[in-house]
Amino acid sequence: MLIKEFYDVIVIGGGPAGTMSAKTVAENGIDVLLLERDREIGIPVRCAEGVAISAIDQFFPLEKRWIATEIYGTCLYSPDGNRAYISEKAIGRGLVLERRLFDSAIAEYAAKKGAKILTKANAIGLVKENGKICGVVFTLMNVKYKVRCNIVIGADGIESRVGRWAGLDTRLSLNNIESSAQYVLTDIDVDSHSCHFYFGNEIAPGGYAWIFPKGRNIANIGIGVSAERLHNNAKYYLDKFVQEKFPNASIIAFIAGAVPTSGTLPKITSDNVMLIGDAARQVNPVTGGGIASAIISGQIAGKIAAQSIKSNNCSNNFLNKYHKQWMKIRGNRLKILHKLKESFFTLTDKQFCEICRIANQVDEDKLNLFQLFKIAVKGNPKLLAELVKAYLT
């Protein structure tokens, strides 16, 4: 494919946030180039692949090819082994995706709208002239390219080099980082239509263990632990969990990484630059889930970027409209969930057990995350008020 010397917008990163922003920019008639440093969109898979149907079907028609299984309920386990069940009537139906295929599908949508996509294209810097960001330097097949643009959208994950290059503060404190590890296991007997979450400071200090089934006796089994409270690495806790629950299972894949749990960065735009998805820390601080947020932020950023180009105004003042819209639609809720995270994951094992005991007294069709957090923050009226606010805004 011919690489032009100039594109209106260059997106760095081919995850759901990046591809969604490229799709949105392109369908608004704006010239956009997306750079993905891996050999194909969708690899490596870095998450448990779970998402609510309602977070997907408002943007894309559901396709069987990228759905591993549907989730009808969620089981929560306390340290003493008691279980609370949340039904789909309370929280809605979910999906476990085949992320490689799902991410690739969004890229296909973007390409059909006119976005140009390059894989194995590694961004190594930004072009600056007189202090103004006006392009991207990247390598492709050992050849260096310098391509100019009006806007750079950084969708390059938790490490976000774009943010650093643009002078945005993307630093995270240890208490806002979850260290995670996950196996894909086979030869296991799990319910193909229920997710399972295990809590406790011996199991996962400052976090939780999860089981996301994928059908055919295969599941994503992982663990996220607070980087601040680590005594051993995440894999240590994962191996311990798997040995206890699935000693005869076979490992067919392993991934590890970090998840930002700070809520949205205070500043996610500057002149000619926007950050989206994990790069902007747009992740649910409690669950660590980021697929839905990535798609939403990508769409908002894409719309504002297109408006910016058409208005011939790529200033921070204009691009910050994206930040304001994001906060109104989703960011403010994540901000409140961050406060709840600080309370919830500092509970003792005894408190986790009590929460599960009380939750078991609630009708499973009425037990949802609101009820669960309400039980968890009982006795803290200020935090309870924040919880109510999160679910009413």
Protein backbone atom coordinates (compact mmCIF):
# COMPACT_ATOMS: atom_id res chain seq x y z
CA MET A 1 0.00 0.00 0.00
CA LEU A 2 1.25 3.46 -0.89
CA ILE A 3 2.04 5.49 2.22
CA LYS A 4 1.21 9.13 1.69
CA GLU A 5 3.24 11.98 3.12
CA PHE A 6 0.22 13.43 4.94
CA TYR A 7 -2.96 12.20 6.65
CA ASP A 8 -5.44 14.33 8.56
CA VAL A 9 -5.31 11.93 11.53
CA ILE A 10 -2.86 9.22 12.56
CA VAL A 11 -3.98 6.67 15.16
CA ILE A 12 -1.27 4.75 17.03
CA GLY A 13 -2.53 1.41 18.35
CA GLY A 14 -4.90 -1.16 16.87
CA GLY A 15 -6.93 -2.27 19.87
CA PRO A 16 -10.69 -1.57 20.14
CA ALA A 17 -10.11 2.10 21.07
CA GLY A 18 -7.77 2.73 18.14
CA THR A 19 -9.79 0.89 15.51
CA MET A 20 -13.06 2.45 16.71
CA SER A 21 -11.57 5.94 16.51
CA ALA A 22 -10.19 5.24 13.02
CA LYS A 23 -13.57 3.91 11.90
CA THR A 24 -15.36 6.98 13.25
CA VAL A 25 -12.89 9.42 11.72
CA ALA A 26 -13.11 7.67 8.33
CA GLU A 27 -16.90 7.53 8.22
CA ASN A 28 -16.89 11.30 8.72
CA GLY A 29 -14.94 11.68 5.51
CA ILE A 30 -11.54 12.38 7.08
CA ASP A 31 -8.28 10.80 5.88
CA VAL A 32 -6.90 8.54 8.63
CA LEU A 33 -3.96 6.17 9.01
CA LEU A 34 -3.77 3.55 11.79
CA LEU A 35 -0.43 2.10 12.88
CA GLU A 36 -0.27 -1.23 14.73
CA ARG A 37 3.13 -2.52 15.78
CA ASP A 38 2.17 -6.24 15.95
CA ARG A 39 1.90 -8.39 12.85
CA GLU A 40 -1.90 -8.38 12.92
CA ILE A 41 -4.75 -6.66 14.69
CA GLY A 42 -5.96 -8.51 17.79
CA ILE A 43 -2.73 -10.09 19.00
CA PRO A 44 -1.55 -10.65 21.57
CA VAL A 45 -4.77 -11.04 23.56
CA ARG A 46 -4.26 -9.21 26.86
CA CYS A 47 -7.56 -9.56 28.70
CA ALA A 48 -10.14 -12.00 30.07
CA GLU A 49 -12.37 -11.18 27.05
CA GLY A 50 -15.59 -10.65 29.02
CA VAL A 51 -18.04 -7.83 28.21
CA ALA A 52 -21.74 -7.03 28.54
CA ILE A 53 -23.81 -7.51 25.39
CA SER A 54 -25.28 -4.04 25.93
CA ALA A 55 -21.78 -2.56 25.62
CA ILE A 56 -21.30 -4.11 22.17
CA ASP A 57 -24.59 -4.35 20.31
CA GLN A 58 -25.19 -0.60 20.38
CA PHE A 59 -22.13 -0.24 18.12
CA PHE A 60 -21.87 -3.45 16.10
CA PRO A 61 -24.16 -6.29 15.03
CA LEU A 62 -23.29 -9.41 17.04
CA GLU A 63 -21.37 -11.97 14.98
CA LYS A 64 -21.06 -15.62 15.98
CA ARG A 65 -17.48 -15.79 14.72
CA TRP A 66 -16.17 -13.58 17.55
CA ILE A 67 -18.39 -14.86 20.36
CA ALA A 68 -16.90 -17.74 22.38
CA THR A 69 -19.92 -18.12 24.67
CA GLU A 70 -22.80 -16.21 26.24
CA ILE A 71 -22.87 -15.54 29.98
CA TYR A 72 -26.16 -15.87 31.87
CA GLY A 73 -24.94 -15.40 35.44
CA THR A 74 -22.03 -14.57 37.71
CA CYS A 75 -20.80 -16.43 40.81
CA LEU A 76 -18.93 -14.59 43.57
CA TYR A 77 -16.90 -16.59 46.11
CA SER A 78 -15.78 -15.45 49.55
CA PRO A 79 -12.53 -16.68 51.16
CA ASP A 80 -14.44 -19.32 53.16
CA GLY A 81 -15.89 -20.80 49.98
CA ASN A 82 -19.43 -19.46 50.23
CA ARG A 83 -21.02 -18.38 46.98
CA ALA A 84 -23.35 -15.57 45.92
CA TYR A 85 -25.02 -15.73 42.53
CA ILE A 86 -26.04 -12.80 40.32
CA SER A 87 -28.43 -13.67 37.49
CA GLU A 88 -28.71 -12.11 34.05
CA LYS A 89 -32.05 -10.62 35.11
CA ALA A 90 -30.13 -8.40 37.53
CA ILE A 91 -27.13 -7.41 35.42
CA GLY A 92 -27.94 -8.36 31.84
CA ARG A 93 -26.44 -11.00 29.60
CA GLY A 94 -22.72 -11.02 28.88
CA LEU A 95 -20.29 -12.38 26.33
CA VAL A 96 -16.88 -13.95 26.38
CA LEU A 97 -15.27 -12.82 23.14
CA GLU A 98 -12.67 -14.23 20.86
CA ARG A 99 -10.72 -11.00 21.12
CA ARG A 100 -8.43 -11.65 18.17
CA LEU A 101 -11.44 -12.03 15.90
CA PHE A 102 -13.41 -9.22 17.55
CA ASP A 103 -10.58 -6.70 17.28
CA SER A 104 -9.98 -7.76 13.69
CA ALA A 105 -13.67 -7.24 12.92
CA ILE A 106 -13.57 -3.61 14.12
CA ALA A 107 -10.48 -3.08 11.98
CA GLU A 108 -12.41 -4.49 9.00
CA TYR A 109 -15.24 -2.02 9.66
CA ALA A 110 -12.70 0.81 9.81
CA ALA A 111 -11.03 -0.26 6.57
CA LYS A 112 -14.39 -0.49 4.78
CA LYS A 113 -15.07 3.10 5.84
CA GLY A 114 -11.78 4.17 4.27
CA ALA A 115 -9.22 4.00 7.08
CA LYS A 116 -5.71 2.94 6.01
CA ILE A 117 -4.22 0.31 8.34
CA LEU A 118 -0.58 -0.73 8.61
CA THR A 119 0.56 -3.63 10.77
CA LYS A 120 4.15 -4.21 11.91
CA ALA A 121 4.35 -0.40 11.93
CA ASN A 122 6.16 0.69 15.09
CA ALA A 123 5.82 4.35 16.07
CA ILE A 124 9.15 5.62 17.41
CA GLY A 125 8.45 9.32 17.84
CA LEU A 126 6.41 12.39 16.98
CA VAL A 127 7.31 15.03 14.43
CA LYS A 128 7.58 18.48 15.99
CA GLU A 129 8.14 21.80 14.29
CA ASN A 130 8.46 25.01 16.30
CA GLY A 131 7.10 23.11 19.31
CA LYS A 132 4.01 21.92 17.43
CA ILE A 133 3.25 18.22 16.97
CA CYS A 134 2.65 17.68 13.28
CA GLY A 135 3.33 14.03 12.47
CA VAL A 136 4.62 10.59 13.42
CA VAL A 137 7.88 8.77 12.83
CA PHE A 138 7.54 4.99 12.48
CA THR A 139 9.36 1.98 11.12
CA LEU A 140 7.89 -0.60 8.76
CA MET A 141 9.91 -3.54 7.44
CA ASN A 142 13.14 -1.87 8.63
CA VAL A 143 12.33 1.34 6.74
CA LYS A 144 11.82 4.59 8.60
CA TYR A 145 8.93 6.84 7.62
CA LYS A 146 8.04 10.37 8.66
CA VAL A 147 4.39 11.12 7.94
CA ARG A 148 2.77 14.43 8.73
CA CYS A 149 -0.72 14.90 10.15
CA ASN A 150 -2.90 17.37 12.01
CA ILE A 151 -3.93 15.10 14.89
CA VAL A 152 -2.27 12.13 16.58
CA ILE A 153 -4.55 9.80 18.54
CA GLY A 154 -2.66 7.70 21.07
CA ALA A 155 -4.35 4.34 21.57
CA ASP A 156 -1.12 2.62 22.55
CA GLY A 157 -2.08 1.06 25.87
CA ILE A 158 -0.94 1.44 29.45
CA GLU A 159 2.65 2.21 28.44
CA SER A 160 1.49 5.02 26.09
CA ARG A 161 4.60 6.41 24.51
CA VAL A 162 2.42 8.92 22.67
CA GLY A 163 1.39 10.46 25.98
CA ARG A 164 5.00 10.80 27.12
CA TRP A 165 6.17 12.18 23.78
CA ALA A 166 3.39 14.77 23.89
CA GLY A 167 4.32 15.85 27.41
CA LEU A 168 1.16 14.52 29.05
CA ASP A 169 1.53 13.10 32.56
CA THR A 170 0.62 9.41 32.29
CA ARG A 171 2.35 8.24 35.47
CA LEU A 172 0.55 5.84 37.82
CA SER A 173 1.12 5.19 41.50
CA LEU A 174 1.45 1.56 42.59
CA ASN A 175 -1.97 1.58 44.23
CA ASN A 176 -3.48 2.37 40.81
CA ILE A 177 -1.89 -0.56 39.01
CA GLU A 178 -3.14 -4.14 38.98
CA SER A 179 -0.58 -6.79 38.13
CA SER A 180 -2.34 -9.55 36.22
CA ALA A 181 -1.60 -13.00 34.88
CA GLN A 182 -3.84 -15.39 32.97
CA TYR A 183 -3.78 -18.91 31.60
CA VAL A 184 -6.01 -20.33 28.91
CA LEU A 185 -6.75 -23.80 30.29
CA THR A 186 -8.32 -26.82 28.64
CA ASP A 187 -9.50 -30.18 29.96
CA ILE A 188 -11.49 -28.46 32.71
CA ASP A 189 -15.06 -28.91 33.86
CA VAL A 190 -16.71 -25.48 34.18
CA ASP A 191 -20.17 -24.12 33.48
CA SER A 192 -19.93 -22.64 29.99
CA HIS A 193 -22.45 -19.88 30.74
CA SER A 194 -21.33 -18.50 34.11
CA CYS A 195 -18.37 -16.34 35.14
CA HIS A 196 -16.73 -16.92 38.49
CA PHE A 197 -14.91 -14.44 40.74
CA TYR A 198 -12.92 -15.33 43.86
CA PHE A 199 -12.06 -12.78 46.55
CA GLY A 200 -9.69 -12.88 49.50
CA ASN A 201 -6.32 -11.56 50.53
CA GLU A 202 -4.74 -15.01 50.39
CA ILE A 203 -6.17 -15.63 46.93
CA ALA A 204 -5.52 -12.21 45.36
CA PRO A 205 -4.40 -9.37 47.65
CA GLY A 206 -6.12 -6.17 46.56
CA GLY A 207 -7.84 -7.89 43.64
CA TYR A 208 -9.58 -11.11 42.61
CA ALA A 209 -9.27 -14.31 40.63
CA TRP A 210 -11.54 -14.99 37.65
CA ILE A 211 -12.83 -17.78 35.45
CA PHE A 212 -14.26 -16.80 32.06
CA PRO A 213 -15.46 -19.91 30.20
CA LYS A 214 -15.05 -20.15 26.44
CA GLY A 215 -16.92 -23.41 25.83
CA ARG A 216 -15.45 -26.77 24.78
CA ASN A 217 -13.96 -27.24 28.29
CA ILE A 218 -11.72 -24.18 27.76
CA ALA A 219 -11.56 -21.10 29.98
CA ASN A 220 -9.56 -17.97 30.66
CA ILE A 221 -8.42 -18.28 34.26
CA GLY A 222 -6.55 -15.36 35.70
CA ILE A 223 -5.77 -13.18 38.63
CA GLY A 224 -5.29 -9.48 39.27
CA VAL A 225 -3.48 -8.27 42.37
CA SER A 226 -2.62 -4.82 43.65
CA ALA A 227 0.93 -3.87 42.69
CA GLU A 228 1.18 -2.01 45.99
CA ARG A 229 0.38 -5.11 48.05
CA LEU A 230 2.37 -7.73 46.16
CA HIS A 231 4.46 -10.13 48.22
CA ASN A 232 4.96 -12.37 45.20
CA ASN A 233 4.29 -11.81 41.52
CA ALA A 234 0.85 -12.33 39.99
CA LYS A 235 1.87 -15.65 38.42
CA TYR A 236 2.66 -17.03 41.87
CA TYR A 237 -0.91 -16.40 43.02
CA LEU A 238 -2.30 -17.71 39.72
CA ASP A 239 -0.33 -20.94 39.91
CA LYS A 240 -1.49 -21.45 43.48
CA PHE A 241 -5.13 -20.87 42.46
CA VAL A 242 -4.97 -23.17 39.44
CA GLN A 243 -3.26 -25.94 41.37
CA GLU A 244 -6.04 -25.84 43.95
CA LYS A 245 -8.98 -25.60 41.54
CA PHE A 246 -7.77 -27.34 38.37
CA PRO A 247 -4.76 -29.54 39.15
CA ASN A 248 -5.26 -31.73 36.06
CA ALA A 249 -5.87 -28.97 33.54
CA SER A 250 -3.63 -28.35 30.53
CA ILE A 251 -2.19 -24.91 29.82
CA ILE A 252 -2.46 -23.77 26.21
CA ALA A 253 -1.59 -20.08 26.61
CA PHE A 254 -0.22 -17.59 29.15
CA ILE A 255 -0.30 -13.80 29.29
CA ALA A 256 0.75 -11.27 31.90
CA GLY A 257 0.63 -7.52 32.16
CA ALA A 258 -0.52 -4.47 34.05
CA VAL A 259 -3.95 -2.84 34.22
CA PRO A 260 -4.48 0.86 35.12
CA THR A 261 -7.12 1.32 37.83
CA SER A 262 -6.80 5.04 38.49
CA GLY A 263 -9.76 6.24 36.49
CA THR A 264 -9.29 8.71 33.63
CA LEU A 265 -6.14 10.83 33.58
CA PRO A 266 -6.69 14.49 34.53
CA LYS A 267 -5.44 15.59 31.10
CA ILE A 268 -5.95 13.45 27.98
CA THR A 269 -5.58 16.06 25.23
CA SER A 270 -3.12 18.71 24.16
CA ASP A 271 -2.65 20.64 20.94
CA ASN A 272 -2.90 18.11 18.08
CA VAL A 273 -2.96 15.08 20.43
CA MET A 274 -5.64 12.88 22.02
CA LEU A 275 -5.26 9.82 24.28
CA ILE A 276 -7.90 7.08 24.36
CA GLY A 277 -8.53 3.69 25.98
CA ASP A 278 -5.88 2.33 28.35
CA ALA A 279 -3.53 5.14 27.29
CA ALA A 280 -5.98 7.57 28.94
CA ARG A 281 -6.59 5.10 31.85
CA GLN A 282 -10.22 4.67 30.76
CA VAL A 283 -10.63 1.37 32.57
CA ASN A 284 -13.18 0.30 35.18
CA PRO A 285 -11.14 0.63 38.40
CA VAL A 286 -13.06 -2.14 40.17
CA THR A 287 -13.21 -4.85 37.51
CA GLY A 288 -10.25 -3.84 35.37
CA GLY A 289 -12.49 -4.17 32.31
CA GLY A 290 -11.70 -1.83 29.46
CA ILE A 291 -13.39 -3.10 26.27
CA ALA A 292 -16.58 -1.07 26.61
CA SER A 293 -14.72 2.08 27.65
CA ALA A 294 -12.30 1.68 24.76
CA ILE A 295 -15.10 1.55 22.20
CA ILE A 296 -16.93 4.50 23.71
CA SER A 297 -13.82 6.67 24.00
CA GLY A 298 -12.76 5.73 20.47
CA GLN A 299 -16.09 6.83 19.06
CA ILE A 300 -16.16 10.13 20.98
CA ALA A 301 -12.55 10.95 20.10
CA GLY A 302 -13.13 10.06 16.45
CA LYS A 303 -16.11 12.39 16.19
CA ILE A 304 -14.30 15.29 17.85
CA ALA A 305 -11.18 14.71 15.73
CA ALA A 306 -13.29 14.85 12.58
CA GLN A 307 -15.01 18.04 13.73
CA SER A 308 -11.61 19.51 14.58
CA ILE A 309 -10.26 18.85 11.08
CA LYS A 310 -13.36 20.28 9.43
CA SER A 311 -13.14 23.37 11.66
CA ASN A 312 -9.41 23.74 10.96
CA ASN A 313 -8.86 23.95 14.71
CA CYS A 314 -6.71 21.25 16.33
CA SER A 315 -6.00 23.17 19.51
CA ASN A 316 -6.26 21.65 22.95
CA ASN A 317 -9.21 23.93 23.59
CA PHE A 318 -11.15 22.26 20.75
CA LEU A 319 -9.94 18.69 21.31
CA ASN A 320 -10.79 18.94 25.01
CA LYS A 321 -14.45 18.66 23.96
CA TYR A 322 -13.69 14.95 23.73
CA HIS A 323 -12.54 14.88 27.38
CA LYS A 324 -15.67 16.71 28.53
CA GLN A 325 -18.00 14.42 26.60
CA TRP A 326 -16.16 11.33 27.83
CA MET A 327 -16.46 12.42 31.47
CA LYS A 328 -20.17 13.10 31.07
CA ILE A 329 -20.92 9.79 29.36
CA ARG A 330 -18.64 7.43 31.33
CA GLY A 331 -15.66 9.07 33.00
CA ASN A 332 -17.48 10.45 36.04
CA ARG A 333 -18.81 6.99 36.85
CA LEU A 334 -15.29 5.57 36.67
CA LYS A 335 -14.15 8.34 38.99
CA ILE A 336 -16.68 7.24 41.61
CA LEU A 337 -15.87 3.58 41.08
CA HIS A 338 -12.25 4.42 41.83
CA LYS A 339 -13.31 5.64 45.27
CA LEU A 340 -15.27 2.43 45.78
CA LYS A 341 -12.28 0.36 44.69
CA GLU A 342 -10.18 1.96 47.43
CA SER A 343 -12.75 0.84 49.99
CA PHE A 344 -13.70 -2.55 48.55
CA PHE A 345 -10.26 -4.03 48.01
CA THR A 346 -8.98 -3.07 51.46
CA LEU A 347 -11.61 -5.26 53.14
CA THR A 348 -10.41 -8.10 55.35
CA ASP A 349 -11.21 -11.71 54.53
CA LYS A 350 -13.69 -11.70 57.40
CA GLN A 351 -15.49 -8.75 55.81
CA PHE A 352 -15.55 -10.45 52.41
CA CYS A 353 -17.14 -13.50 54.01
CA GLU A 354 -19.76 -11.34 55.73
CA ILE A 355 -20.59 -9.59 52.45
CA CYS A 356 -21.12 -12.94 50.76
CA ARG A 357 -23.27 -14.17 53.66
CA ILE A 358 -25.52 -11.10 53.47
CA ALA A 359 -25.61 -11.20 49.66
CA ASN A 360 -26.93 -14.76 49.81
CA GLN A 361 -30.01 -13.41 51.57
CA VAL A 362 -30.83 -11.24 48.54
CA ASP A 363 -32.91 -12.66 45.68
CA GLU A 364 -30.43 -13.64 42.93
CA ASP A 365 -32.54 -11.83 40.35
CA LYS A 366 -32.20 -8.62 42.38
CA LEU A 367 -28.58 -8.94 43.48
CA ASN A 368 -26.40 -6.69 41.31
CA LEU A 369 -23.21 -4.70 41.71
CA PHE A 370 -25.11 -1.82 43.28
CA GLN A 371 -26.47 -4.11 45.98
CA LEU A 372 -23.07 -5.72 46.47
CA PHE A 373 -21.27 -2.40 46.94
CA LYS A 374 -24.08 -1.18 49.16
CA ILE A 375 -23.40 -4.10 51.47
CA ALA A 376 -19.63 -3.49 51.27
CA VAL A 377 -19.81 0.21 52.22
CA LYS A 378 -22.49 -0.20 54.87
CA GLY A 379 -21.61 2.10 57.75
CA ASN A 380 -19.92 4.62 55.46
CA PRO A 381 -22.76 6.98 54.46
CA LYS A 382 -20.51 9.26 52.40
CA LEU A 383 -19.25 6.39 50.26
CA LEU A 384 -22.77 5.01 49.99
CA ALA A 385 -23.94 8.38 48.65
CA GLU A 386 -21.17 8.26 46.03
CA LEU A 387 -22.32 4.77 45.04
CA VAL A 388 -25.88 5.93 44.52
CA LYS A 389 -24.60 8.85 42.47
CA ALA A 390 -22.59 6.49 40.25
CA TYR A 391 -25.66 4.51 39.33
CA LEU A 392 -27.94 7.50 38.82
CA THR A 393 -25.63 9.48 36.49
